[in-house]
Amino acid sequence: MPKKILNGIVVSDKPNKTITVLVERKYQHPVLKKIIKARKKYNVHDEENKFKNGDKVLIQECKPFSKLKKFQVIGETK
């Protein structure tokens, strides 16, 4: 099974080697046919503490680093 790759914006960089990334997706409601925005926050491993608030990043699913960290940063998007 392929690993998930998601785009998001860094909303917190306070913990050491960890950033919080907000990922937003749009989907259509099955009955109402309305377009809905869904947001989810992910804790992401950032080895070099390189990314700061407001950066757009690309994250990939990986083996768990801890209880809540199951993603790592691939790189920066424009």
N, C-alpha and C. Protein backbone atom coordinates (compact mmCIF):
# COMPACT_ATOMS: atom_id res chain seq x y z
N MET A 1 0.85 -1.18 0.00
CA MET A 1 0.00 0.00 0.00
C MET A 1 0.89 1.24 0.00
N PRO A 2 0.61 2.20 -0.90
CA PRO A 2 1.46 3.39 -0.96
C PRO A 2 1.29 4.29 0.26
N LYS A 3 2.36 5.04 0.55
CA LYS A 3 2.33 5.94 1.70
C LYS A 3 1.63 7.23 1.32
N LYS A 4 0.86 7.80 2.26
CA LYS A 4 0.15 9.06 2.00
C LYS A 4 1.15 10.20 1.89
N ILE A 5 0.91 11.09 0.94
CA ILE A 5 1.69 12.33 0.81
C ILE A 5 0.68 13.46 0.84
N LEU A 6 0.86 14.41 1.77
CA LEU A 6 -0.10 15.49 1.98
C LEU A 6 0.59 16.85 1.95
N ASN A 7 -0.17 17.88 1.53
CA ASN A 7 0.29 19.27 1.58
C ASN A 7 -0.32 19.95 2.78
N GLY A 8 0.43 20.83 3.44
CA GLY A 8 -0.14 21.54 4.58
C GLY A 8 0.68 22.75 4.95
N ILE A 9 0.20 23.46 5.97
CA ILE A 9 0.85 24.68 6.47
C ILE A 9 1.24 24.45 7.92
N VAL A 10 2.46 24.84 8.27
CA VAL A 10 2.95 24.69 9.64
C VAL A 10 2.22 25.69 10.53
N VAL A 11 1.60 25.20 11.61
CA VAL A 11 0.89 26.08 12.55
C VAL A 11 1.59 26.16 13.89
N SER A 12 2.53 25.23 14.18
CA SER A 12 3.28 25.28 15.44
C SER A 12 4.62 24.60 15.24
N ASP A 13 5.66 25.20 15.85
CA ASP A 13 7.00 24.60 15.78
C ASP A 13 7.67 24.59 17.16
N LYS A 14 6.87 24.60 18.21
CA LYS A 14 7.43 24.72 19.56
C LYS A 14 8.16 23.48 20.07
N PRO A 15 7.61 22.26 19.94
CA PRO A 15 8.35 21.11 20.45
C PRO A 15 9.64 20.86 19.66
N ASN A 16 10.62 20.25 20.29
CA ASN A 16 11.88 19.96 19.63
C ASN A 16 11.69 18.83 18.61
N LYS A 17 12.18 19.05 17.38
CA LYS A 17 12.11 18.09 16.28
C LYS A 17 10.69 17.71 15.88
N THR A 18 9.71 18.56 16.20
CA THR A 18 8.31 18.29 15.85
C THR A 18 7.66 19.58 15.36
N ILE A 19 6.84 19.46 14.33
CA ILE A 19 6.01 20.57 13.88
C ILE A 19 4.57 20.07 13.79
N THR A 20 3.63 21.00 13.91
CA THR A 20 2.21 20.67 13.73
C THR A 20 1.79 21.26 12.39
N VAL A 21 1.22 20.40 11.54
CA VAL A 21 0.85 20.80 10.18
C VAL A 21 -0.66 20.70 10.02
N LEU A 22 -1.27 21.77 9.50
CA LEU A 22 -2.70 21.79 9.22
C LEU A 22 -2.92 21.43 7.76
N VAL A 23 -3.66 20.33 7.53
CA VAL A 23 -3.96 19.86 6.17
C VAL A 23 -5.44 20.09 5.92
N GLU A 24 -5.75 20.74 4.80
CA GLU A 24 -7.14 21.04 4.46
C GLU A 24 -7.50 20.29 3.18
N ARG A 25 -8.66 19.64 3.19
CA ARG A 25 -9.13 18.96 1.99
C ARG A 25 -10.57 19.34 1.73
N LYS A 26 -10.99 19.24 0.48
CA LYS A 26 -12.36 19.53 0.09
C LYS A 26 -13.00 18.26 -0.45
N TYR A 27 -14.26 18.05 -0.08
CA TYR A 27 -14.99 16.91 -0.61
C TYR A 27 -16.46 17.28 -0.71
N GLN A 28 -17.19 16.51 -1.51
CA GLN A 28 -18.62 16.76 -1.70
C GLN A 28 -19.42 15.85 -0.78
N HIS A 29 -20.39 16.44 -0.08
CA HIS A 29 -21.25 15.67 0.82
C HIS A 29 -22.08 14.71 -0.02
N PRO A 30 -22.17 13.44 0.39
CA PRO A 30 -22.86 12.45 -0.45
C PRO A 30 -24.35 12.71 -0.69
N VAL A 31 -25.05 13.28 0.29
CA VAL A 31 -26.49 13.50 0.13
C VAL A 31 -26.79 14.94 -0.28
N LEU A 32 -26.18 15.90 0.41
CA LEU A 32 -26.50 17.30 0.17
C LEU A 32 -25.79 17.89 -1.04
N LYS A 33 -24.75 17.22 -1.54
CA LYS A 33 -23.98 17.66 -2.71
C LYS A 33 -23.30 19.01 -2.50
N LYS A 34 -23.07 19.37 -1.25
CA LYS A 34 -22.40 20.62 -0.93
C LYS A 34 -20.91 20.36 -0.76
N ILE A 35 -20.07 21.30 -1.21
CA ILE A 35 -18.62 21.18 -1.05
C ILE A 35 -18.26 21.56 0.38
N ILE A 36 -17.54 20.67 1.08
CA ILE A 36 -17.19 20.88 2.48
C ILE A 36 -15.68 20.89 2.63
N LYS A 37 -15.18 21.82 3.45
CA LYS A 37 -13.76 21.87 3.77
C LYS A 37 -13.53 21.12 5.08
N ALA A 38 -12.64 20.17 5.06
CA ALA A 38 -12.28 19.43 6.28
C ALA A 38 -10.84 19.76 6.61
N ARG A 39 -10.56 20.03 7.88
CA ARG A 39 -9.21 20.35 8.34
C ARG A 39 -8.77 19.33 9.37
N LYS A 40 -7.49 18.99 9.33
CA LYS A 40 -6.93 18.07 10.32
C LYS A 40 -5.50 18.48 10.61
N LYS A 41 -5.12 18.36 11.88
CA LYS A 41 -3.76 18.68 12.29
C LYS A 41 -2.97 17.38 12.49
N TYR A 42 -1.74 17.38 11.99
CA TYR A 42 -0.85 16.25 12.14
C TYR A 42 0.42 16.69 12.85
N ASN A 43 0.92 15.85 13.78
CA ASN A 43 2.24 16.06 14.35
C ASN A 43 3.24 15.39 13.42
N VAL A 44 4.27 16.15 13.03
CA VAL A 44 5.19 15.71 11.99
C VAL A 44 6.62 15.81 12.50
N HIS A 45 7.44 14.81 12.18
CA HIS A 45 8.85 14.80 12.58
C HIS A 45 9.65 15.72 11.67
N ASP A 46 10.41 16.65 12.27
CA ASP A 46 11.27 17.60 11.55
C ASP A 46 12.65 17.51 12.19
N GLU A 47 13.53 16.69 11.62
CA GLU A 47 14.82 16.35 12.23
C GLU A 47 15.71 17.58 12.50
N GLU A 48 15.77 18.54 11.56
CA GLU A 48 16.68 19.67 11.71
C GLU A 48 16.04 20.91 12.33
N ASN A 49 14.79 20.85 12.77
CA ASN A 49 14.06 22.03 13.25
C ASN A 49 14.14 23.16 12.23
N LYS A 50 13.94 22.81 10.96
CA LYS A 50 14.15 23.71 9.84
C LYS A 50 12.93 24.58 9.53
N PHE A 51 11.73 24.07 9.77
CA PHE A 51 10.51 24.75 9.33
C PHE A 51 9.89 25.58 10.44
N LYS A 52 9.34 26.73 10.07
CA LYS A 52 8.75 27.68 11.02
C LYS A 52 7.28 27.89 10.68
N ASN A 53 6.56 28.62 11.54
CA ASN A 53 5.13 28.90 11.33
C ASN A 53 4.90 29.54 9.97
N GLY A 54 3.86 29.08 9.28
CA GLY A 54 3.48 29.67 8.00
C GLY A 54 4.12 29.01 6.79
N ASP A 55 5.11 28.15 6.98
CA ASP A 55 5.75 27.46 5.85
C ASP A 55 4.80 26.42 5.26
N LYS A 56 4.81 26.30 3.94
CA LYS A 56 4.04 25.26 3.27
C LYS A 56 4.95 24.06 3.08
N VAL A 57 4.51 22.90 3.56
CA VAL A 57 5.36 21.71 3.54
C VAL A 57 4.64 20.52 2.93
N LEU A 58 5.44 19.55 2.50
CA LEU A 58 4.97 18.29 1.98
C LEU A 58 5.34 17.23 3.01
N ILE A 59 4.35 16.44 3.46
CA ILE A 59 4.62 15.43 4.49
C ILE A 59 4.26 14.04 3.97
N GLN A 60 4.95 13.03 4.52
CA GLN A 60 4.74 11.65 4.08
C GLN A 60 4.55 10.75 5.28
N GLU A 61 3.65 9.80 5.15
CA GLU A 61 3.40 8.81 6.18
C GLU A 61 4.64 7.93 6.35
N CYS A 62 4.94 7.53 7.58
CA CYS A 62 6.11 6.69 7.85
C CYS A 62 5.87 5.87 9.11
N LYS A 63 6.89 5.14 9.53
CA LYS A 63 6.77 4.37 10.77
C LYS A 63 6.60 5.33 11.94
N PRO A 64 5.93 4.94 13.01
CA PRO A 64 5.70 5.86 14.13
C PRO A 64 7.00 6.28 14.83
N PHE A 65 7.15 7.59 15.05
CA PHE A 65 8.25 8.12 15.84
C PHE A 65 7.86 8.13 17.32
N SER A 66 6.57 8.31 17.57
CA SER A 66 6.04 8.31 18.93
C SER A 66 4.55 7.99 18.84
N LYS A 67 3.83 8.18 19.96
CA LYS A 67 2.40 7.86 19.99
C LYS A 67 1.61 8.65 18.94
N LEU A 68 1.93 9.92 18.76
CA LEU A 68 1.16 10.77 17.86
C LEU A 68 1.89 11.13 16.56
N LYS A 69 3.20 10.94 16.49
CA LYS A 69 3.97 11.31 15.29
C LYS A 69 4.09 10.13 14.34
N LYS A 70 3.34 10.20 13.23
CA LYS A 70 3.39 9.13 12.23
C LYS A 70 3.67 9.67 10.83
N PHE A 71 4.13 10.91 10.75
CA PHE A 71 4.46 11.55 9.48
C PHE A 71 5.83 12.20 9.61
N GLN A 72 6.51 12.36 8.47
CA GLN A 72 7.78 13.09 8.44
C GLN A 72 7.76 14.08 7.28
N VAL A 73 8.59 15.12 7.38
CA VAL A 73 8.64 16.15 6.34
C VAL A 73 9.46 15.64 5.17
N ILE A 74 8.93 15.81 3.96
CA ILE A 74 9.69 15.49 2.74
C ILE A 74 10.41 16.74 2.27
N GLY A 75 9.68 17.85 2.21
CA GLY A 75 10.27 19.08 1.71
C GLY A 75 9.28 20.23 1.76
N GLU A 76 9.69 21.33 1.17
CA GLU A 76 8.88 22.55 1.17
C GLU A 76 8.19 22.69 -0.17
N THR A 77 6.94 23.16 -0.16
CA THR A 77 6.24 23.43 -1.42
C THR A 77 6.16 24.94 -1.60
N LYS A 78 5.86 25.34 -2.81
CA LYS A 78 5.80 26.77 -3.10
C LYS A 78 4.40 27.29 -3.10
